[in-house]
Amino acid sequence: MIEERNIEHQHGRDYYHEPPPAPLLDTAELKRWSFYRATIAEFIGTLLFLFLAVSTVVNYKEPNYTDKCSRIGYLGIALAYGGVFFVLVHCTSGISGGHLNPAVTFGMLLTRRMSLIRAAAYMVAQCLGALFGVLFVIFFTNSDEQQSSEGVVNVVTRNYSKGAGLVAEFIGTFVLVYTVFSSTDPKTERSRLPRPLFCPPCLLV
């Protein structure tokens, strides 16, 4: 402890040890229950996130809708996404790391923070969870809302091109992954602030 403080004093507060890279193919993980428990957590977390978030989008109505009390609006959608993500990341971060997004998992793989086997299992679980989450939305919502352009149909907003939508998705995903990596950086561990506090505002914006 004293040596660590002396090294920190010599190199400044930004000095820290980079954690060793994870092995690319760690077959030993397949024999651990923690590996499967984390994969199940990613599946359930992504399922609940898509189910609750997309259900909120289905309930969206245009501002000129006759019954204003029945619409949730853009702010309600943003709050729903941020709030649901906060709860689910908080619940799963101690089990699987709380990725809930293949982009985050892929970034962790590229930086060698997890093995290829675990990353592949996470991505499969996340995609299956997202699929089942949306299927539950279709099952539980009204058929009229599903067929409406204001429902679960994924289209670009009026007055915007598909290229603009692609750029918006790219920037949003980049900000999300950047926030995750910034909040899990070893230099920020002393802030004692959990990662679920940083990601929801990113989704809300």
C-alpha atoms as a PDB file:
ATOM      1  CA  MET A   1       0.000   0.000   0.000  1.00  0.00           C
ATOM      2  CA  ILE A   2       2.858   2.381   0.886  1.00  0.00           C
ATOM      3  CA  GLU A   3       4.741   1.476  -2.317  1.00  0.00           C
ATOM      4  CA  GLU A   4       1.627   2.131  -4.377  1.00  0.00           C
ATOM      5  CA  ARG A   5       1.232   5.575  -2.827  1.00  0.00           C
ATOM      6  CA  ASN A   6       4.902   6.383  -3.482  1.00  0.00           C
ATOM      7  CA  ILE A   7       4.577   5.364  -7.146  1.00  0.00           C
ATOM      8  CA  GLU A   8       1.383   7.383  -7.438  1.00  0.00           C
ATOM      9  CA  HIS A   9       3.116  10.411  -5.910  1.00  0.00           C
ATOM     10  CA  GLN A  10       6.003  10.105  -8.385  1.00  0.00           C
ATOM     11  CA  HIS A  11       3.903   9.678 -11.494  1.00  0.00           C
ATOM     12  CA  GLY A  12       0.893  11.758 -10.521  1.00  0.00           C
ATOM     13  CA  ARG A  13      -2.694  10.786  -9.821  1.00  0.00           C
ATOM     14  CA  ASP A  14      -3.261   9.491 -13.367  1.00  0.00           C
ATOM     15  CA  TYR A  15      -0.828   6.620 -12.835  1.00  0.00           C
ATOM     16  CA  TYR A  16      -2.466   3.182 -12.773  1.00  0.00           C
ATOM     17  CA  HIS A  17      -1.765  -0.372 -13.817  1.00  0.00           C
ATOM     18  CA  GLU A  18      -3.497  -1.577 -16.978  1.00  0.00           C
ATOM     19  CA  PRO A  19      -5.316  -4.841 -16.249  1.00  0.00           C
ATOM     20  CA  PRO A  20      -3.959  -7.871 -18.125  1.00  0.00           C
ATOM     21  CA  PRO A  21      -5.834  -8.765 -21.335  1.00  0.00           C
ATOM     22  CA  ALA A  22      -8.318 -11.601 -21.208  1.00  0.00           C
ATOM     23  CA  PRO A  23      -7.408 -14.770 -23.140  1.00  0.00           C
ATOM     24  CA  LEU A  24      -8.943 -14.912 -26.588  1.00  0.00           C
ATOM     25  CA  LEU A  25     -10.229 -18.491 -26.282  1.00  0.00           C
ATOM     26  CA  ASP A  26     -10.845 -19.393 -22.659  1.00  0.00           C
ATOM     27  CA  THR A  27     -12.462 -22.814 -22.894  1.00  0.00           C
ATOM     28  CA  ALA A  28     -12.291 -23.191 -19.119  1.00  0.00           C
ATOM     29  CA  GLU A  29     -15.222 -20.766 -18.874  1.00  0.00           C
ATOM     30  CA  LEU A  30     -17.519 -23.406 -20.325  1.00  0.00           C
ATOM     31  CA  LYS A  31     -17.038 -25.446 -17.137  1.00  0.00           C
ATOM     32  CA  ARG A  32     -18.040 -22.613 -14.786  1.00  0.00           C
ATOM     33  CA  TRP A  33     -21.604 -21.940 -13.655  1.00  0.00           C
ATOM     34  CA  SER A  34     -20.814 -18.219 -13.456  1.00  0.00           C
ATOM     35  CA  PHE A  35     -20.426 -18.169 -17.257  1.00  0.00           C
ATOM     36  CA  TYR A  36     -23.914 -19.543 -17.859  1.00  0.00           C
ATOM     37  CA  ARG A  37     -25.402 -17.430 -15.085  1.00  0.00           C
ATOM     38  CA  ALA A  38     -23.981 -14.295 -16.723  1.00  0.00           C
ATOM     39  CA  THR A  39     -25.313 -15.349 -20.127  1.00  0.00           C
ATOM     40  CA  ILE A  40     -28.790 -15.916 -18.671  1.00  0.00           C
ATOM     41  CA  ALA A  41     -28.609 -12.503 -16.987  1.00  0.00           C
ATOM     42  CA  GLU A  42     -27.833 -10.847 -20.334  1.00  0.00           C
ATOM     43  CA  PHE A  43     -30.747 -12.674 -21.947  1.00  0.00           C
ATOM     44  CA  ILE A  44     -33.268 -11.707 -19.256  1.00  0.00           C
ATOM     45  CA  GLY A  45     -31.958  -8.146 -18.981  1.00  0.00           C
ATOM     46  CA  THR A  46     -32.148  -7.503 -22.722  1.00  0.00           C
ATOM     47  CA  LEU A  47     -35.581  -9.142 -22.923  1.00  0.00           C
ATOM     48  CA  LEU A  48     -36.996  -6.894 -20.202  1.00  0.00           C
ATOM     49  CA  PHE A  49     -35.301  -3.806 -21.624  1.00  0.00           C
ATOM     50  CA  LEU A  50     -36.746  -4.271 -25.112  1.00  0.00           C
ATOM     51  CA  PHE A  51     -40.159  -5.291 -23.818  1.00  0.00           C
ATOM     52  CA  LEU A  52     -40.574  -2.268 -21.541  1.00  0.00           C
ATOM     53  CA  ALA A  53     -38.885   0.248 -23.837  1.00  0.00           C
ATOM     54  CA  VAL A  54     -40.679  -0.769 -27.045  1.00  0.00           C
ATOM     55  CA  SER A  55     -43.984  -0.942 -25.160  1.00  0.00           C
ATOM     56  CA  THR A  56     -43.443   2.715 -24.300  1.00  0.00           C
ATOM     57  CA  VAL A  57     -42.814   3.586 -27.949  1.00  0.00           C
ATOM     58  CA  VAL A  58     -46.005   1.788 -28.973  1.00  0.00           C
ATOM     59  CA  ASN A  59     -47.988   4.070 -26.662  1.00  0.00           C
ATOM     60  CA  TYR A  60     -46.595   7.202 -28.306  1.00  0.00           C
ATOM     61  CA  LYS A  61     -49.098   9.460 -30.059  1.00  0.00           C
ATOM     62  CA  GLU A  62     -48.633  12.577 -32.150  1.00  0.00           C
ATOM     63  CA  PRO A  63     -48.883  15.955 -30.346  1.00  0.00           C
ATOM     64  CA  ASN A  64     -52.140  16.762 -32.125  1.00  0.00           C
ATOM     65  CA  TYR A  65     -53.784  13.601 -30.826  1.00  0.00           C
ATOM     66  CA  THR A  66     -57.294  14.312 -29.526  1.00  0.00           C
ATOM     67  CA  ASP A  67     -56.863  12.821 -26.062  1.00  0.00           C
ATOM     68  CA  LYS A  68     -53.651  14.398 -24.772  1.00  0.00           C
ATOM     69  CA  CYS A  69     -53.747  12.460 -21.523  1.00  0.00           C
ATOM     70  CA  SER A  70     -53.348   9.144 -23.359  1.00  0.00           C
ATOM     71  CA  ARG A  71     -50.046   9.972 -25.069  1.00  0.00           C
ATOM     72  CA  ILE A  72     -46.624   9.633 -23.516  1.00  0.00           C
ATOM     73  CA  GLY A  73     -44.567  11.931 -25.764  1.00  0.00           C
ATOM     74  CA  TYR A  74     -40.854  12.027 -26.485  1.00  0.00           C
ATOM     75  CA  LEU A  75     -39.903  12.958 -22.926  1.00  0.00           C
ATOM     76  CA  GLY A  76     -41.786   9.972 -21.534  1.00  0.00           C
ATOM     77  CA  ILE A  77     -39.997   7.653 -23.965  1.00  0.00           C
ATOM     78  CA  ALA A  78     -36.609   9.082 -22.977  1.00  0.00           C
ATOM     79  CA  LEU A  79     -37.377   8.743 -19.264  1.00  0.00           C
ATOM     80  CA  ALA A  80     -38.625   5.187 -19.772  1.00  0.00           C
ATOM     81  CA  TYR A  81     -35.479   4.153 -21.653  1.00  0.00           C
ATOM     82  CA  GLY A  82     -33.156   5.759 -19.097  1.00  0.00           C
ATOM     83  CA  GLY A  83     -35.064   4.480 -16.069  1.00  0.00           C
ATOM     84  CA  VAL A  84     -35.414   0.909 -17.328  1.00  0.00           C
ATOM     85  CA  PHE A  85     -31.759   0.789 -18.358  1.00  0.00           C
ATOM     86  CA  PHE A  86     -30.690   2.116 -14.941  1.00  0.00           C
ATOM     87  CA  VAL A  87     -32.590  -0.608 -13.089  1.00  0.00           C
ATOM     88  CA  LEU A  88     -31.508  -3.461 -15.363  1.00  0.00           C
ATOM     89  CA  VAL A  89     -27.831  -2.481 -15.464  1.00  0.00           C
ATOM     90  CA  HIS A  90     -27.871  -2.158 -11.689  1.00  0.00           C
ATOM     91  CA  CYS A  91     -29.397  -5.659 -11.393  1.00  0.00           C
ATOM     92  CA  THR A  92     -27.086  -7.382 -13.878  1.00  0.00           C
ATOM     93  CA  SER A  93     -23.787  -5.501 -13.468  1.00  0.00           C
ATOM     94  CA  GLY A  94     -22.681  -7.724 -10.602  1.00  0.00           C
ATOM     95  CA  ILE A  95     -23.501 -10.886 -12.560  1.00  0.00           C
ATOM     96  CA  SER A  96     -22.543 -10.266 -16.184  1.00  0.00           C
ATOM     97  CA  GLY A  97     -21.256  -6.713 -16.257  1.00  0.00           C
ATOM     98  CA  GLY A  98     -24.603  -5.311 -17.414  1.00  0.00           C
ATOM     99  CA  HIS A  99     -23.812  -4.970 -21.126  1.00  0.00           C
ATOM    100  CA  LEU A 100     -27.359  -5.427 -22.498  1.00  0.00           C
ATOM    101  CA  ASN A 101     -26.083  -4.338 -25.909  1.00  0.00           C
ATOM    102  CA  PRO A 102     -23.974  -6.213 -28.504  1.00  0.00           C
ATOM    103  CA  ALA A 103     -22.060  -2.992 -29.260  1.00  0.00           C
ATOM    104  CA  VAL A 104     -20.815  -2.824 -25.673  1.00  0.00           C
ATOM    105  CA  THR A 105     -19.881  -6.514 -25.728  1.00  0.00           C
ATOM    106  CA  PHE A 106     -18.056  -6.132 -29.057  1.00  0.00           C
ATOM    107  CA  GLY A 107     -16.114  -3.190 -27.666  1.00  0.00           C
ATOM    108  CA  MET A 108     -15.135  -5.231 -24.616  1.00  0.00           C
ATOM    109  CA  LEU A 109     -13.943  -7.991 -26.939  1.00  0.00           C
ATOM    110  CA  LEU A 110     -11.838  -5.635 -29.073  1.00  0.00           C
ATOM    111  CA  THR A 111     -10.128  -4.240 -25.983  1.00  0.00           C
ATOM    112  CA  ARG A 112      -9.496  -7.788 -24.672  1.00  0.00           C
ATOM    113  CA  ARG A 113     -11.575  -7.290 -21.540  1.00  0.00           C
ATOM    114  CA  MET A 114     -13.402 -10.556 -22.189  1.00  0.00           C
ATOM    115  CA  SER A 115     -12.802 -13.736 -24.139  1.00  0.00           C
ATOM    116  CA  LEU A 116     -14.229 -14.515 -27.554  1.00  0.00           C
ATOM    117  CA  ILE A 117     -16.321 -17.370 -26.135  1.00  0.00           C
ATOM    118  CA  ARG A 118     -17.962 -15.158 -23.506  1.00  0.00           C
ATOM    119  CA  ALA A 119     -18.497 -12.348 -26.018  1.00  0.00           C
ATOM    120  CA  ALA A 120     -20.168 -14.703 -28.510  1.00  0.00           C
ATOM    121  CA  ALA A 121     -22.412 -16.141 -25.784  1.00  0.00           C
ATOM    122  CA  TYR A 122     -23.370 -12.632 -24.631  1.00  0.00           C
ATOM    123  CA  MET A 123     -24.225 -11.481 -28.159  1.00  0.00           C
ATOM    124  CA  VAL A 124     -26.367 -14.537 -28.866  1.00  0.00           C
ATOM    125  CA  ALA A 125     -28.178 -14.112 -25.547  1.00  0.00           C
ATOM    126  CA  GLN A 126     -28.717 -10.390 -26.170  1.00  0.00           C
ATOM    127  CA  CYS A 127     -30.103 -10.932 -29.676  1.00  0.00           C
ATOM    128  CA  LEU A 128     -32.414 -13.702 -28.494  1.00  0.00           C
ATOM    129  CA  GLY A 129     -33.532 -11.587 -25.545  1.00  0.00           C
ATOM    130  CA  ALA A 130     -34.282  -8.656 -27.833  1.00  0.00           C
ATOM    131  CA  LEU A 131     -36.210 -10.924 -30.189  1.00  0.00           C
ATOM    132  CA  PHE A 132     -38.364 -12.402 -27.447  1.00  0.00           C
ATOM    133  CA  GLY A 133     -38.872  -8.983 -25.858  1.00  0.00           C
ATOM    134  CA  VAL A 134     -40.311  -7.555 -29.070  1.00  0.00           C
ATOM    135  CA  LEU A 135     -42.400 -10.689 -29.610  1.00  0.00           C
ATOM    136  CA  PHE A 136     -43.927 -10.143 -26.178  1.00  0.00           C
ATOM    137  CA  VAL A 137     -44.724  -6.558 -27.168  1.00  0.00           C
ATOM    138  CA  ILE A 138     -46.519  -7.786 -30.289  1.00  0.00           C
ATOM    139  CA  PHE A 139     -48.393 -10.369 -28.234  1.00  0.00           C
ATOM    140  CA  PHE A 140     -49.561  -7.990 -25.499  1.00  0.00           C
ATOM    141  CA  THR A 141     -50.289  -4.818 -27.511  1.00  0.00           C
ATOM    142  CA  ASN A 142     -53.240  -3.902 -29.681  1.00  0.00           C
ATOM    143  CA  SER A 143     -53.033  -4.971 -33.316  1.00  0.00           C
ATOM    144  CA  ASP A 144     -54.076  -1.490 -34.474  1.00  0.00           C
ATOM    145  CA  GLU A 145     -51.076   0.060 -32.745  1.00  0.00           C
ATOM    146  CA  GLN A 146     -48.729  -2.464 -34.328  1.00  0.00           C
ATOM    147  CA  GLN A 147     -49.881  -1.648 -37.861  1.00  0.00           C
ATOM    148  CA  SER A 148     -49.817   2.127 -37.339  1.00  0.00           C
ATOM    149  CA  SER A 149     -46.833   4.197 -38.461  1.00  0.00           C
ATOM    150  CA  GLU A 150     -46.699   5.496 -34.889  1.00  0.00           C
ATOM    151  CA  GLY A 151     -46.388   2.007 -33.440  1.00  0.00           C
ATOM    152  CA  VAL A 152     -43.559  -0.503 -33.471  1.00  0.00           C
ATOM    153  CA  VAL A 153     -42.733   0.019 -37.164  1.00  0.00           C
ATOM    154  CA  ASN A 154     -39.115   1.151 -37.377  1.00  0.00           C
ATOM    155  CA  VAL A 155     -39.109   4.085 -39.814  1.00  0.00           C
ATOM    156  CA  VAL A 156     -37.121   7.290 -40.093  1.00  0.00           C
ATOM    157  CA  THR A 157     -38.870  10.392 -38.785  1.00  0.00           C
ATOM    158  CA  ARG A 158     -40.395  12.699 -41.364  1.00  0.00           C
ATOM    159  CA  ASN A 159     -38.095  15.333 -42.918  1.00  0.00           C
ATOM    160  CA  TYR A 160     -35.036  13.133 -42.247  1.00  0.00           C
ATOM    161  CA  SER A 161     -33.256  10.864 -44.716  1.00  0.00           C
ATOM    162  CA  LYS A 162     -32.133   7.313 -44.082  1.00  0.00           C
ATOM    163  CA  GLY A 163     -28.541   8.519 -44.145  1.00  0.00           C
ATOM    164  CA  ALA A 164     -29.281  10.950 -41.323  1.00  0.00           C
ATOM    165  CA  GLY A 165     -30.893   8.134 -39.359  1.00  0.00           C
ATOM    166  CA  LEU A 166     -27.805   5.964 -39.878  1.00  0.00           C
ATOM    167  CA  VAL A 167     -25.514   8.749 -38.664  1.00  0.00           C
ATOM    168  CA  ALA A 168     -27.750   9.323 -35.629  1.00  0.00           C
ATOM    169  CA  GLU A 169     -27.601   5.616 -34.745  1.00  0.00           C
ATOM    170  CA  PHE A 170     -23.821   5.621 -35.159  1.00  0.00           C
ATOM    171  CA  ILE A 171     -23.352   8.665 -32.917  1.00  0.00           C
ATOM    172  CA  GLY A 172     -25.770   7.364 -30.282  1.00  0.00           C
ATOM    173  CA  THR A 173     -24.075   3.954 -30.132  1.00  0.00           C
ATOM    174  CA  PHE A 174     -20.644   5.571 -29.982  1.00  0.00           C
ATOM    175  CA  VAL A 175     -21.690   7.792 -27.058  1.00  0.00           C
ATOM    176  CA  LEU A 176     -23.162   4.797 -25.209  1.00  0.00           C
ATOM    177  CA  VAL A 177     -20.057   2.620 -25.630  1.00  0.00           C
ATOM    178  CA  TYR A 178     -17.766   5.555 -24.816  1.00  0.00           C
ATOM    179  CA  THR A 179     -19.731   6.213 -21.620  1.00  0.00           C
ATOM    180  CA  VAL A 180     -19.473   2.564 -20.582  1.00  0.00           C
ATOM    181  CA  PHE A 181     -15.721   2.472 -21.144  1.00  0.00           C
ATOM    182  CA  SER A 182     -15.184   5.800 -19.398  1.00  0.00           C
ATOM    183  CA  SER A 183     -17.142   4.717 -16.334  1.00  0.00           C
ATOM    184  CA  THR A 184     -15.278   1.389 -16.116  1.00  0.00           C
ATOM    185  CA  ASP A 185     -11.812   2.882 -16.568  1.00  0.00           C
ATOM    186  CA  PRO A 186      -9.466   2.034 -13.661  1.00  0.00           C
ATOM    187  CA  LYS A 187      -8.755   5.736 -13.105  1.00  0.00           C
ATOM    188  CA  THR A 188     -12.414   6.384 -12.261  1.00  0.00           C
ATOM    189  CA  GLU A 189     -12.753   3.648  -9.647  1.00  0.00           C
ATOM    190  CA  ARG A 190     -11.964   6.067  -6.847  1.00  0.00           C
ATOM    191  CA  SER A 191     -15.026   8.146  -7.614  1.00  0.00           C
ATOM    192  CA  ARG A 192     -17.091   5.352  -5.981  1.00  0.00           C
ATOM    193  CA  LEU A 193     -19.944   6.079  -8.361  1.00  0.00           C
ATOM    194  CA  PRO A 194     -21.517   2.946  -9.880  1.00  0.00           C
ATOM    195  CA  ARG A 195     -21.718   2.604 -13.646  1.00  0.00           C
ATOM    196  CA  PRO A 196     -25.569   2.536 -13.725  1.00  0.00           C
ATOM    197  CA  LEU A 197     -25.496   6.235 -12.820  1.00  0.00           C
ATOM    198  CA  PHE A 198     -23.691   7.179 -16.039  1.00  0.00           C
ATOM    199  CA  CYS A 199     -25.419   5.147 -18.775  1.00  0.00           C
ATOM    200  CA  PRO A 200     -29.101   6.148 -18.264  1.00  0.00           C
ATOM    201  CA  PRO A 201     -28.475   9.879 -18.875  1.00  0.00           C
ATOM    202  CA  CYS A 202     -26.727   8.858 -22.090  1.00  0.00           C
ATOM    203  CA  LEU A 203     -29.844   6.983 -23.267  1.00  0.00           C
ATOM    204  CA  LEU A 204     -32.121   9.766 -22.049  1.00  0.00           C
ATOM    205  CA  VAL A 205     -30.292  12.302 -24.236  1.00  0.00           C
END
